Amino acid sequence: MNRHAVYFQEQEKRREILVLLKKRRSVGVQELSKHLGITKVAARKHLDVLHRERYIESRIVRQRTGRPAYMYHLTNTAEQLFPRHYSDLAIEMMAGIQDLYGEAFVDQLFEKRMARMLQTYREIMRGQGFDQRVKTLASIQEDEGYMPHLEKISDGLYALEEANCPLLQVAIGYRQACQCELSLFELLVDAHVERTSCMAEGQVKCRYLIKEKLNNEEA
């Protein structure tokens, strides 16, 4: 393997590390080496590079047995590497629209966006059962850059976590974005959806509980 191929392979491994840290929040060397399929020595070399580039930081965690271990997490600099579909211009335009036409008009903009997404994604879910609709929703959110993690808690109940929010800065200023996302999930999956944590409110992740409707409940 020539040096250029080695360089790009190493870059890919470091991207995997950053994505894993984004999803898990903090990771140790042992978990990292297992996830990447490389030795602990190789994992530490990648971590050293990312630390020098100020993309990660470490903290010591004391364990019940054995020596203390280092856990690694992303810095604010690294957070800027992940997808965020907004710009200062977009936020300024939202503020200008609200000043000109009022908050009700802003509500309508978010609702129209939700309606367009609903029409598009309903076609994808046509004919699917509850479990498949939930999995399709997670796949859609993955494609949109939300870095979701889906967990089945029990029959008819799922937890959906999102490690990234491409619209975070917009959502902080305009909570209609969060409400429309919640409504979109409910309508797409035809289920009860509860948001238990929200990045726009300062939590680490957005988390949703998705519960299947009973047969005798109205759609």
C-alpha atoms as a PDB file:
ATOM      1  CA  MET A   1       0.000   0.000   0.000  1.00  0.00           C
ATOM      2  CA  ASN A   2       1.511   3.351  -1.011  1.00  0.00           C
ATOM      3  CA  ARG A   3       1.739   6.303   1.354  1.00  0.00           C
ATOM      4  CA  HIS A   4      -1.245   8.107  -0.224  1.00  0.00           C
ATOM      5  CA  ALA A   5      -3.497   5.084   0.307  1.00  0.00           C
ATOM      6  CA  VAL A   6      -2.285   4.818   3.908  1.00  0.00           C
ATOM      7  CA  TYR A   7      -3.036   8.508   4.470  1.00  0.00           C
ATOM      8  CA  PHE A   8      -6.605   8.236   3.221  1.00  0.00           C
ATOM      9  CA  GLN A   9      -7.203   5.042   5.183  1.00  0.00           C
ATOM     10  CA  GLU A  10      -6.016   6.744   8.354  1.00  0.00           C
ATOM     11  CA  GLN A  11      -8.246   9.744   7.648  1.00  0.00           C
ATOM     12  CA  GLU A  12     -11.236   7.399   7.264  1.00  0.00           C
ATOM     13  CA  LYS A  13     -10.492   5.772  10.631  1.00  0.00           C
ATOM     14  CA  ARG A  14     -10.364   9.177  12.298  1.00  0.00           C
ATOM     15  CA  ARG A  15     -13.711  10.118  10.751  1.00  0.00           C
ATOM     16  CA  GLU A  16     -15.131   6.888  12.173  1.00  0.00           C
ATOM     17  CA  ILE A  17     -13.783   7.844  15.599  1.00  0.00           C
ATOM     18  CA  LEU A  18     -15.413  11.272  15.441  1.00  0.00           C
ATOM     19  CA  VAL A  19     -18.763   9.819  14.354  1.00  0.00           C
ATOM     20  CA  LEU A  20     -18.635   7.194  17.118  1.00  0.00           C
ATOM     21  CA  LEU A  21     -17.874   9.861  19.721  1.00  0.00           C
ATOM     22  CA  LYS A  22     -20.749  11.954  18.401  1.00  0.00           C
ATOM     23  CA  LYS A  23     -23.133   9.041  18.809  1.00  0.00           C
ATOM     24  CA  ARG A  24     -21.812   7.637  22.108  1.00  0.00           C
ATOM     25  CA  ARG A  25     -20.691  10.969  23.671  1.00  0.00           C
ATOM     26  CA  SER A  26     -17.629   9.317  25.263  1.00  0.00           C
ATOM     27  CA  VAL A  27     -15.626   6.206  24.408  1.00  0.00           C
ATOM     28  CA  GLY A  28     -12.630   4.371  25.842  1.00  0.00           C
ATOM     29  CA  VAL A  29      -9.709   2.882  23.930  1.00  0.00           C
ATOM     30  CA  GLN A  30     -10.886  -0.706  24.310  1.00  0.00           C
ATOM     31  CA  GLU A  31     -14.353   0.007  22.887  1.00  0.00           C
ATOM     32  CA  LEU A  32     -12.807   2.098  20.126  1.00  0.00           C
ATOM     33  CA  SER A  33     -10.340  -0.594  19.028  1.00  0.00           C
ATOM     34  CA  LYS A  34     -13.129  -3.195  18.984  1.00  0.00           C
ATOM     35  CA  HIS A  35     -15.432  -0.942  16.958  1.00  0.00           C
ATOM     36  CA  LEU A  36     -12.750  -0.082  14.372  1.00  0.00           C
ATOM     37  CA  GLY A  37     -11.218  -3.553  14.242  1.00  0.00           C
ATOM     38  CA  ILE A  38      -7.734  -2.277  15.076  1.00  0.00           C
ATOM     39  CA  THR A  39      -5.291  -2.712  17.959  1.00  0.00           C
ATOM     40  CA  LYS A  40      -5.338  -0.497  21.030  1.00  0.00           C
ATOM     41  CA  VAL A  41      -1.939   0.869  20.004  1.00  0.00           C
ATOM     42  CA  ALA A  42      -3.304   1.908  16.597  1.00  0.00           C
ATOM     43  CA  ALA A  43      -6.398   3.413  18.225  1.00  0.00           C
ATOM     44  CA  ARG A  44      -4.245   5.499  20.573  1.00  0.00           C
ATOM     45  CA  LYS A  45      -2.232   6.826  17.619  1.00  0.00           C
ATOM     46  CA  HIS A  46      -5.405   8.076  15.950  1.00  0.00           C
ATOM     47  CA  LEU A  47      -6.575   9.591  19.237  1.00  0.00           C
ATOM     48  CA  ASP A  48      -3.247  11.386  19.669  1.00  0.00           C
ATOM     49  CA  VAL A  49      -3.630  12.977  16.219  1.00  0.00           C
ATOM     50  CA  LEU A  50      -7.208  14.059  16.918  1.00  0.00           C
ATOM     51  CA  HIS A  51      -6.138  15.474  20.274  1.00  0.00           C
ATOM     52  CA  ARG A  52      -3.355  17.516  18.654  1.00  0.00           C
ATOM     53  CA  GLU A  53      -5.901  18.822  16.144  1.00  0.00           C
ATOM     54  CA  ARG A  54      -8.111  19.808  19.114  1.00  0.00           C
ATOM     55  CA  TYR A  55     -11.031  17.659  17.998  1.00  0.00           C
ATOM     56  CA  ILE A  56     -11.122  15.516  21.147  1.00  0.00           C
ATOM     57  CA  GLU A  57     -10.422  15.788  24.856  1.00  0.00           C
ATOM     58  CA  SER A  58      -9.981  13.125  27.515  1.00  0.00           C
ATOM     59  CA  ARG A  59     -10.894  12.613  31.143  1.00  0.00           C
ATOM     60  CA  ILE A  60      -9.855   9.971  33.660  1.00  0.00           C
ATOM     61  CA  VAL A  61     -12.561   7.615  34.922  1.00  0.00           C
ATOM     62  CA  ARG A  62     -11.842   5.531  37.998  1.00  0.00           C
ATOM     63  CA  GLN A  63     -13.013   1.926  37.771  1.00  0.00           C
ATOM     64  CA  ARG A  64     -13.985  -0.572  40.453  1.00  0.00           C
ATOM     65  CA  THR A  65     -11.022  -2.765  39.590  1.00  0.00           C
ATOM     66  CA  GLY A  66      -7.782  -2.095  37.774  1.00  0.00           C
ATOM     67  CA  ARG A  67      -6.208   1.187  36.795  1.00  0.00           C
ATOM     68  CA  PRO A  68      -8.178   4.340  35.923  1.00  0.00           C
ATOM     69  CA  ALA A  69      -9.128   4.573  32.253  1.00  0.00           C
ATOM     70  CA  TYR A  70      -9.197   7.491  29.830  1.00  0.00           C
ATOM     71  CA  MET A  71     -12.533   8.352  28.204  1.00  0.00           C
ATOM     72  CA  TYR A  72     -12.549  10.539  25.109  1.00  0.00           C
ATOM     73  CA  HIS A  73     -15.152  13.062  23.966  1.00  0.00           C
ATOM     74  CA  LEU A  74     -15.563  15.702  21.265  1.00  0.00           C
ATOM     75  CA  THR A  75     -14.587  19.344  21.662  1.00  0.00           C
ATOM     76  CA  ASN A  76     -16.662  22.297  20.470  1.00  0.00           C
ATOM     77  CA  THR A  77     -14.314  22.521  17.494  1.00  0.00           C
ATOM     78  CA  ALA A  78     -15.230  18.989  16.427  1.00  0.00           C
ATOM     79  CA  GLU A  79     -18.949  19.708  16.746  1.00  0.00           C
ATOM     80  CA  GLN A  80     -18.609  22.113  13.823  1.00  0.00           C
ATOM     81  CA  LEU A  81     -17.630  19.205  11.557  1.00  0.00           C
ATOM     82  CA  PHE A  82     -21.076  17.634  11.656  1.00  0.00           C
ATOM     83  CA  PRO A  83     -24.012  18.443   9.355  1.00  0.00           C
ATOM     84  CA  ARG A  84     -26.010  21.534  10.216  1.00  0.00           C
ATOM     85  CA  HIS A  85     -28.363  22.685   7.491  1.00  0.00           C
ATOM     86  CA  TYR A  86     -28.570  26.312   8.490  1.00  0.00           C
ATOM     87  CA  SER A  87     -26.685  29.552   8.125  1.00  0.00           C
ATOM     88  CA  ASP A  88     -26.705  32.982   9.687  1.00  0.00           C
ATOM     89  CA  LEU A  89     -28.521  34.208   6.596  1.00  0.00           C
ATOM     90  CA  ALA A  90     -31.352  31.695   7.072  1.00  0.00           C
ATOM     91  CA  ILE A  91     -31.833  32.727  10.700  1.00  0.00           C
ATOM     92  CA  GLU A  92     -31.772  36.418   9.789  1.00  0.00           C
ATOM     93  CA  MET A  93     -34.383  35.794   7.102  1.00  0.00           C
ATOM     94  CA  MET A  94     -36.628  33.998   9.603  1.00  0.00           C
ATOM     95  CA  ALA A  95     -36.355  36.965  11.936  1.00  0.00           C
ATOM     96  CA  GLY A  96     -37.171  39.348   9.073  1.00  0.00           C
ATOM     97  CA  ILE A  97     -40.237  37.328   8.082  1.00  0.00           C
ATOM     98  CA  GLN A  98     -41.483  37.348  11.666  1.00  0.00           C
ATOM     99  CA  ASP A  99     -40.982  41.124  11.913  1.00  0.00           C
ATOM    100  CA  LEU A 100     -42.850  41.736   8.662  1.00  0.00           C
ATOM    101  CA  TYR A 101     -45.713  39.241   8.894  1.00  0.00           C
ATOM    102  CA  GLY A 102     -45.880  38.099  12.498  1.00  0.00           C
ATOM    103  CA  GLU A 103     -45.325  34.816  14.313  1.00  0.00           C
ATOM    104  CA  ALA A 104     -48.438  33.203  12.790  1.00  0.00           C
ATOM    105  CA  PHE A 105     -46.819  33.427   9.353  1.00  0.00           C
ATOM    106  CA  VAL A 106     -43.686  31.714  10.692  1.00  0.00           C
ATOM    107  CA  ASP A 107     -45.917  28.937  12.066  1.00  0.00           C
ATOM    108  CA  GLN A 108     -47.395  28.483   8.593  1.00  0.00           C
ATOM    109  CA  LEU A 109     -43.931  28.191   7.023  1.00  0.00           C
ATOM    110  CA  PHE A 110     -42.975  25.332   9.346  1.00  0.00           C
ATOM    111  CA  GLU A 111     -46.341  23.648   8.869  1.00  0.00           C
ATOM    112  CA  LYS A 112     -46.003  23.805   5.076  1.00  0.00           C
ATOM    113  CA  ARG A 113     -42.517  22.302   5.327  1.00  0.00           C
ATOM    114  CA  MET A 114     -43.927  19.511   7.482  1.00  0.00           C
ATOM    115  CA  ALA A 115     -46.750  18.890   4.990  1.00  0.00           C
ATOM    116  CA  ARG A 116     -44.260  18.529   2.104  1.00  0.00           C
ATOM    117  CA  MET A 117     -42.151  16.062   4.090  1.00  0.00           C
ATOM    118  CA  LEU A 118     -45.237  14.141   5.146  1.00  0.00           C
ATOM    119  CA  GLN A 119     -46.375  13.728   1.559  1.00  0.00           C
ATOM    120  CA  THR A 120     -42.936  12.533   0.441  1.00  0.00           C
ATOM    121  CA  TYR A 121     -42.281  10.057   3.232  1.00  0.00           C
ATOM    122  CA  ARG A 122     -45.796   8.634   3.480  1.00  0.00           C
ATOM    123  CA  GLU A 123     -45.297   7.167   0.033  1.00  0.00           C
ATOM    124  CA  ILE A 124     -42.162   5.396   1.256  1.00  0.00           C
ATOM    125  CA  MET A 125     -44.037   3.914   4.230  1.00  0.00           C
ATOM    126  CA  ARG A 126     -47.149   2.880   2.324  1.00  0.00           C
ATOM    127  CA  GLY A 127     -48.189  -0.680   3.235  1.00  0.00           C
ATOM    128  CA  GLN A 128     -45.675  -1.009   6.110  1.00  0.00           C
ATOM    129  CA  GLY A 129     -46.551  -2.257   9.587  1.00  0.00           C
ATOM    130  CA  PHE A 130     -45.730  -0.382  12.789  1.00  0.00           C
ATOM    131  CA  ASP A 131     -42.266  -1.876  13.330  1.00  0.00           C
ATOM    132  CA  GLN A 132     -41.191  -1.291   9.745  1.00  0.00           C
ATOM    133  CA  ARG A 133     -42.522   2.289   9.782  1.00  0.00           C
ATOM    134  CA  VAL A 134     -40.410   3.048  12.857  1.00  0.00           C
ATOM    135  CA  LYS A 135     -37.315   1.555  11.209  1.00  0.00           C
ATOM    136  CA  THR A 136     -38.010   3.527   8.030  1.00  0.00           C
ATOM    137  CA  LEU A 137     -38.317   6.714  10.107  1.00  0.00           C
ATOM    138  CA  ALA A 138     -34.894   6.036  11.642  1.00  0.00           C
ATOM    139  CA  SER A 139     -33.468   5.469   8.147  1.00  0.00           C
ATOM    140  CA  ILE A 140     -34.942   8.776   6.947  1.00  0.00           C
ATOM    141  CA  GLN A 141     -33.411  10.620   9.891  1.00  0.00           C
ATOM    142  CA  GLU A 142     -30.055   8.978   9.171  1.00  0.00           C
ATOM    143  CA  ASP A 143     -30.168  10.269   5.595  1.00  0.00           C
ATOM    144  CA  GLU A 144     -31.036  13.748   6.894  1.00  0.00           C
ATOM    145  CA  GLY A 145     -27.955  13.867   9.142  1.00  0.00           C
ATOM    146  CA  TYR A 146     -29.563  13.362  12.577  1.00  0.00           C
ATOM    147  CA  MET A 147     -27.363  10.358  13.497  1.00  0.00           C
ATOM    148  CA  PRO A 148     -30.219   8.354  15.027  1.00  0.00           C
ATOM    149  CA  HIS A 149     -30.069   5.296  17.255  1.00  0.00           C
ATOM    150  CA  LEU A 150     -33.186   3.118  17.409  1.00  0.00           C
ATOM    151  CA  GLU A 151     -33.845   0.748  20.303  1.00  0.00           C
ATOM    152  CA  LYS A 152     -36.796  -1.598  20.713  1.00  0.00           C
ATOM    153  CA  ILE A 153     -37.827  -1.432  24.378  1.00  0.00           C
ATOM    154  CA  SER A 154     -40.716  -3.902  24.131  1.00  0.00           C
ATOM    155  CA  ASP A 155     -43.408  -4.971  21.690  1.00  0.00           C
ATOM    156  CA  GLY A 156     -45.032  -1.813  20.370  1.00  0.00           C
ATOM    157  CA  LEU A 157     -42.540   0.554  22.046  1.00  0.00           C
ATOM    158  CA  TYR A 158     -39.334   2.075  20.646  1.00  0.00           C
ATOM    159  CA  ALA A 159     -36.862   4.724  21.760  1.00  0.00           C
ATOM    160  CA  LEU A 160     -35.362   6.901  19.014  1.00  0.00           C
ATOM    161  CA  GLU A 161     -32.325   9.028  19.905  1.00  0.00           C
ATOM    162  CA  GLU A 162     -30.781  11.680  17.672  1.00  0.00           C
ATOM    163  CA  ALA A 163     -27.152  12.598  18.342  1.00  0.00           C
ATOM    164  CA  ASN A 164     -27.074  15.501  15.869  1.00  0.00           C
ATOM    165  CA  CYS A 165     -29.559  18.198  14.870  1.00  0.00           C
ATOM    166  CA  PRO A 166     -28.915  19.828  11.488  1.00  0.00           C
ATOM    167  CA  LEU A 167     -31.425  22.564  12.378  1.00  0.00           C
ATOM    168  CA  LEU A 168     -30.272  23.158  15.941  1.00  0.00           C
ATOM    169  CA  GLN A 169     -29.668  26.910  15.771  1.00  0.00           C
ATOM    170  CA  VAL A 170     -32.966  27.451  13.964  1.00  0.00           C
ATOM    171  CA  ALA A 171     -34.770  25.252  16.500  1.00  0.00           C
ATOM    172  CA  ILE A 172     -33.303  27.199  19.429  1.00  0.00           C
ATOM    173  CA  GLY A 173     -34.762  30.416  18.070  1.00  0.00           C
ATOM    174  CA  TYR A 174     -37.942  28.947  16.587  1.00  0.00           C
ATOM    175  CA  ARG A 175     -39.375  26.091  18.635  1.00  0.00           C
ATOM    176  CA  GLN A 176     -41.953  25.513  15.918  1.00  0.00           C
ATOM    177  CA  ALA A 177     -39.271  23.376  14.254  1.00  0.00           C
ATOM    178  CA  CYS A 178     -39.302  20.939  17.180  1.00  0.00           C
ATOM    179  CA  GLN A 179     -43.082  20.831  17.392  1.00  0.00           C
ATOM    180  CA  CYS A 180     -43.396  20.159  13.670  1.00  0.00           C
ATOM    181  CA  GLU A 181     -40.868  17.332  13.889  1.00  0.00           C
ATOM    182  CA  LEU A 182     -42.857  15.730  16.707  1.00  0.00           C
ATOM    183  CA  SER A 183     -46.097  16.061  14.722  1.00  0.00           C
ATOM    184  CA  LEU A 184     -44.395  14.672  11.606  1.00  0.00           C
ATOM    185  CA  PHE A 185     -43.246  11.567  13.498  1.00  0.00           C
ATOM    186  CA  GLU A 186     -46.741  10.981  14.900  1.00  0.00           C
ATOM    187  CA  LEU A 187     -48.394  11.291  11.498  1.00  0.00           C
ATOM    188  CA  LEU A 188     -45.822   9.233   9.608  1.00  0.00           C
ATOM    189  CA  VAL A 189     -45.687   6.316  12.021  1.00  0.00           C
ATOM    190  CA  ASP A 190     -49.332   6.665  13.150  1.00  0.00           C
ATOM    191  CA  ALA A 191     -48.277   6.266  16.760  1.00  0.00           C
ATOM    192  CA  HIS A 192     -48.078   8.053  20.094  1.00  0.00           C
ATOM    193  CA  VAL A 193     -44.771   9.965  20.150  1.00  0.00           C
ATOM    194  CA  GLU A 194     -43.342  11.639  23.249  1.00  0.00           C
ATOM    195  CA  ARG A 195     -40.181  13.743  23.259  1.00  0.00           C
ATOM    196  CA  THR A 196     -38.274  13.090  26.488  1.00  0.00           C
ATOM    197  CA  SER A 197     -35.196  15.228  25.785  1.00  0.00           C
ATOM    198  CA  CYS A 198     -34.356  17.975  23.303  1.00  0.00           C
ATOM    199  CA  MET A 199     -31.065  19.533  22.185  1.00  0.00           C
ATOM    200  CA  ALA A 200     -32.781  22.879  21.615  1.00  0.00           C
ATOM    201  CA  GLU A 201     -33.537  22.904  25.357  1.00  0.00           C
ATOM    202  CA  GLY A 202     -29.923  22.174  26.261  1.00  0.00           C
ATOM    203  CA  GLN A 203     -29.986  18.378  26.536  1.00  0.00           C
ATOM    204  CA  VAL A 204     -27.257  16.232  24.997  1.00  0.00           C
ATOM    205  CA  LYS A 205     -29.581  14.441  22.549  1.00  0.00           C
ATOM    206  CA  CYS A 206     -33.121  14.488  21.243  1.00  0.00           C
ATOM    207  CA  ARG A 207     -34.969  11.397  22.430  1.00  0.00           C
ATOM    208  CA  TYR A 208     -38.411  10.123  21.473  1.00  0.00           C
ATOM    209  CA  LEU A 209     -40.583   7.334  22.818  1.00  0.00           C
ATOM    210  CA  ILE A 210     -42.708   5.853  20.017  1.00  0.00           C
ATOM    211  CA  LYS A 211     -45.672   3.751  21.171  1.00  0.00           C
ATOM    212  CA  GLU A 212     -47.935   1.765  18.873  1.00  0.00           C
ATOM    213  CA  LYS A 213     -51.613   2.677  18.961  1.00  0.00           C
ATOM    214  CA  LEU A 214     -54.052   0.012  20.123  1.00  0.00           C
ATOM    215  CA  ASN A 215     -56.499  -1.406  17.605  1.00  0.00           C
ATOM    216  CA  ASN A 216     -59.452   0.356  19.217  1.00  0.00           C
ATOM    217  CA  GLU A 217     -57.774   3.768  19.178  1.00  0.00           C
ATOM    218  CA  GLU A 218     -58.630   6.298  16.492  1.00  0.00           C
ATOM    219  CA  ALA A 219     -55.940   7.114  13.934  1.00  0.00           C
END
